Amino acid sequence: MPIDESRAFIPVNIAIMTVSDTRTRSDDTSGDVLEARIQEAGHKLAARIIVPDDKDRITAQLNMWIADSDIDAIVSTGGTGLTGRDVTPEAFRSVFEKEIDGFSAIFHRISFEKIGTSTVQSRACAGVAKGTYLFALPGSPGAVKDGWDGILKAQLDSRHRPCNFVEIMPRLQEHLKTRS
């Protein structure tokens, strides 16, 4: 996954949402890992919040951030499992215009190499809504590292070749332009 140093790095404005009924800012280790990696990569932390495992509240926060032109991407951690309170994928899919199917496939491939078949208990997903990227990662620090280090670090780097999410950002809403 080559980085083309002749290309300019373009920082992305990223919001972090931790989905949890029990975490607070003082013990949100997965959110801390994600924030550190975002900043180390040269991106801007646009916002960070903890939202309870409630589909309506997650969806409301997503919609608020999607409407904010200063936020390019949203990365969540938590709520992607199989228990009754895990509703993050349902909330995310309710706002997706397009799902990024390959994200889940690659996430599971990376995760399988570390935790084996236990990866099937994750419902990590990604998509696009109104020009904003949305990525839902599981709630463990290890899963956050897998998702960021294995996928997002490269795809959110404008220098990554042969292609990356940043270079197509201006075209995500081209379907809304009227044709003359």
Protein backbone atom coordinates (compact mmCIF):
# COMPACT_ATOMS: atom_id res chain seq x y z
CA MET A 1 0.00 0.00 0.00
CA PRO A 2 2.30 2.71 -1.23
CA ILE A 3 2.24 6.33 -0.15
CA ASP A 4 3.11 8.70 -2.99
CA GLU A 5 5.25 11.36 -1.29
CA SER A 6 4.98 13.59 -4.38
CA ARG A 7 1.30 14.17 -3.56
CA ALA A 8 0.10 16.62 -0.93
CA PHE A 9 -1.35 15.33 2.33
CA ILE A 10 -4.89 16.63 2.88
CA PRO A 11 -6.08 16.52 6.51
CA VAL A 12 -9.57 15.13 7.04
CA ASN A 13 -11.96 16.45 9.72
CA ILE A 14 -13.03 13.39 11.70
CA ALA A 15 -15.64 13.05 14.47
CA ILE A 16 -15.48 10.19 16.98
CA MET A 17 -18.58 8.62 18.49
CA THR A 18 -18.20 6.09 21.28
CA VAL A 19 -21.39 4.06 21.65
CA SER A 20 -21.73 2.77 25.19
CA ASP A 21 -24.10 2.68 28.15
CA THR A 22 -21.19 2.39 30.59
CA ARG A 23 -18.19 4.37 29.29
CA THR A 24 -17.30 7.88 30.41
CA ARG A 25 -14.67 10.19 28.98
CA SER A 26 -12.25 9.07 31.70
CA ASP A 27 -12.41 5.36 30.77
CA ASP A 28 -13.11 5.49 27.03
CA THR A 29 -9.91 3.69 26.05
CA SER A 30 -11.10 2.83 22.53
CA GLY A 31 -12.03 6.47 21.88
CA ASP A 32 -8.62 7.51 23.22
CA VAL A 33 -6.83 5.07 20.90
CA LEU A 34 -8.82 6.35 17.95
CA GLU A 35 -8.24 10.01 18.80
CA ALA A 36 -4.48 9.45 19.17
CA ARG A 37 -4.26 7.65 15.82
CA ILE A 38 -6.30 10.33 14.03
CA GLN A 39 -4.02 13.06 15.34
CA GLU A 40 -0.82 11.08 14.71
CA ALA A 41 -1.90 10.67 11.09
CA GLY A 42 -2.22 14.46 10.74
CA HIS A 43 -6.01 14.68 10.66
CA LYS A 44 -8.19 17.04 12.67
CA LEU A 45 -10.45 15.83 15.47
CA ALA A 46 -13.67 17.67 14.63
CA ALA A 47 -15.74 16.37 17.57
CA ARG A 48 -15.90 13.57 20.09
CA ILE A 49 -18.91 12.29 22.03
CA ILE A 50 -20.18 9.29 23.97
CA VAL A 51 -23.71 8.21 23.01
CA PRO A 52 -25.73 5.48 24.77
CA ASP A 53 -26.69 2.26 22.99
CA ASP A 54 -29.92 3.74 21.63
CA LYS A 55 -30.68 3.67 17.90
CA ASP A 56 -32.58 6.97 17.89
CA ARG A 57 -29.86 8.84 19.78
CA ILE A 58 -27.10 7.39 17.59
CA THR A 59 -29.05 8.27 14.44
CA ALA A 60 -29.75 11.81 15.69
CA GLN A 61 -26.04 12.38 16.38
CA LEU A 62 -25.06 10.95 13.00
CA ASN A 63 -27.56 13.22 11.23
CA MET A 64 -26.28 16.26 13.13
CA TRP A 65 -22.70 15.53 12.11
CA ILE A 66 -23.65 14.60 8.53
CA ALA A 67 -25.29 18.04 8.21
CA ASP A 68 -22.13 19.76 9.49
CA SER A 69 -19.99 20.76 6.50
CA ASP A 70 -16.92 20.86 8.78
CA ILE A 71 -17.07 17.08 9.33
CA ASP A 72 -15.75 14.83 6.55
CA ALA A 73 -15.88 11.48 8.32
CA ILE A 74 -17.40 9.88 11.40
CA VAL A 75 -15.78 6.91 13.11
CA SER A 76 -17.64 5.13 15.88
CA THR A 77 -16.49 2.53 18.34
CA GLY A 78 -18.85 0.18 20.14
CA GLY A 79 -22.30 -1.29 19.71
CA THR A 80 -21.49 -3.56 16.76
CA GLY A 81 -21.92 -6.88 18.56
CA LEU A 82 -24.85 -9.26 18.80
CA THR A 83 -26.40 -8.42 22.17
CA GLY A 84 -29.79 -6.81 22.49
CA ARG A 85 -28.34 -3.34 23.16
CA ASP A 86 -25.95 -3.44 20.16
CA VAL A 87 -27.70 -1.23 17.59
CA THR A 88 -24.89 0.79 16.00
CA PRO A 89 -25.06 -0.95 12.57
CA GLU A 90 -28.83 -0.47 12.43
CA ALA A 91 -28.45 3.23 13.22
CA PHE A 92 -25.67 3.68 10.66
CA ARG A 93 -27.50 1.78 7.93
CA SER A 94 -30.58 3.94 8.49
CA VAL A 95 -28.62 6.98 7.26
CA PHE A 96 -26.40 5.39 4.59
CA GLU A 97 -26.97 6.41 0.99
CA LYS A 98 -24.38 3.83 -0.07
CA GLU A 99 -22.77 1.08 1.96
CA ILE A 100 -19.04 0.41 1.59
CA ASP A 101 -19.30 -3.39 1.58
CA GLY A 102 -15.58 -3.98 1.25
CA PHE A 103 -14.90 -2.27 4.58
CA SER A 104 -16.56 -5.05 6.55
CA ALA A 105 -14.90 -7.74 4.43
CA ILE A 106 -11.41 -6.30 4.93
CA PHE A 107 -12.04 -5.60 8.61
CA HIS A 108 -13.00 -9.25 9.16
CA ARG A 109 -9.96 -10.48 7.24
CA ILE A 110 -7.63 -8.40 9.43
CA SER A 111 -9.50 -9.35 12.59
CA PHE A 112 -9.52 -13.07 11.72
CA GLU A 113 -5.72 -13.10 11.67
CA LYS A 114 -5.73 -11.88 15.29
CA ILE A 115 -8.82 -13.36 16.96
CA GLY A 116 -9.82 -16.16 14.61
CA THR A 117 -13.47 -17.02 14.18
CA SER A 118 -14.48 -14.68 17.03
CA THR A 119 -14.53 -11.96 14.37
CA VAL A 120 -17.94 -13.22 13.22
CA GLN A 121 -19.44 -11.58 16.32
CA SER A 122 -18.63 -8.12 14.95
CA ARG A 123 -20.91 -6.23 12.61
CA ALA A 124 -18.43 -3.52 11.62
CA CYS A 125 -19.78 -1.52 8.69
CA ALA A 126 -19.19 1.63 6.66
CA GLY A 127 -21.01 3.85 4.23
CA VAL A 128 -21.54 7.32 2.83
CA ALA A 129 -24.31 9.81 3.62
CA LYS A 130 -24.58 13.28 2.04
CA GLY A 131 -20.86 13.41 1.31
CA THR A 132 -19.77 12.20 4.76
CA TYR A 133 -17.98 8.92 5.35
CA LEU A 134 -19.27 6.79 8.24
CA PHE A 135 -17.31 3.92 9.79
CA ALA A 136 -18.58 1.75 12.66
CA LEU A 137 -15.89 -0.20 14.51
CA PRO A 138 -16.26 -2.62 17.43
CA GLY A 139 -15.65 -1.26 20.93
CA SER A 140 -12.36 -2.89 21.90
CA PRO A 141 -9.05 -1.02 21.60
CA GLY A 142 -7.71 -3.93 19.51
CA ALA A 143 -10.57 -3.68 17.04
CA VAL A 144 -10.07 0.09 16.78
CA LYS A 145 -6.40 -0.48 16.02
CA ASP A 146 -7.31 -3.12 13.40
CA GLY A 147 -9.80 -0.81 11.70
CA TRP A 148 -7.63 2.30 11.78
CA ASP A 149 -4.21 0.76 11.14
CA GLY A 150 -5.42 -1.81 8.63
CA ILE A 151 -7.90 0.26 6.59
CA LEU A 152 -8.63 3.83 7.55
CA LYS A 153 -5.10 5.16 7.96
CA ALA A 154 -4.37 4.38 4.30
CA GLN A 155 -7.78 5.13 2.82
CA LEU A 156 -7.99 8.53 4.57
CA ASP A 157 -4.52 9.48 3.34
CA SER A 158 -4.72 11.52 0.13
CA ARG A 159 -1.29 10.17 -0.89
CA HIS A 160 -2.29 6.50 -0.80
CA ARG A 161 -2.08 4.78 -4.21
CA PRO A 162 -3.68 3.56 -6.35
CA CYS A 163 -6.75 5.24 -4.83
CA ASN A 164 -8.16 6.53 -1.55
CA PHE A 165 -11.34 7.93 0.00
CA VAL A 166 -10.01 11.50 0.14
CA GLU A 167 -9.54 11.96 -3.61
CA ILE A 168 -13.18 11.06 -4.31
CA MET A 169 -14.66 13.22 -1.53
CA PRO A 170 -15.52 16.08 -3.92
CA ARG A 171 -17.51 13.64 -6.06
CA LEU A 172 -19.57 11.97 -3.34
CA GLN A 173 -22.53 14.27 -3.96
CA GLU A 174 -22.28 14.66 -7.73
CA HIS A 175 -25.64 12.87 -8.11
CA LEU A 176 -27.27 15.92 -6.52
CA LYS A 177 -26.03 18.32 -9.21
CA THR A 178 -28.51 19.17 -11.92
CA ARG A 179 -27.53 18.34 -15.45
CA SER A 180 -27.90 21.11 -17.99
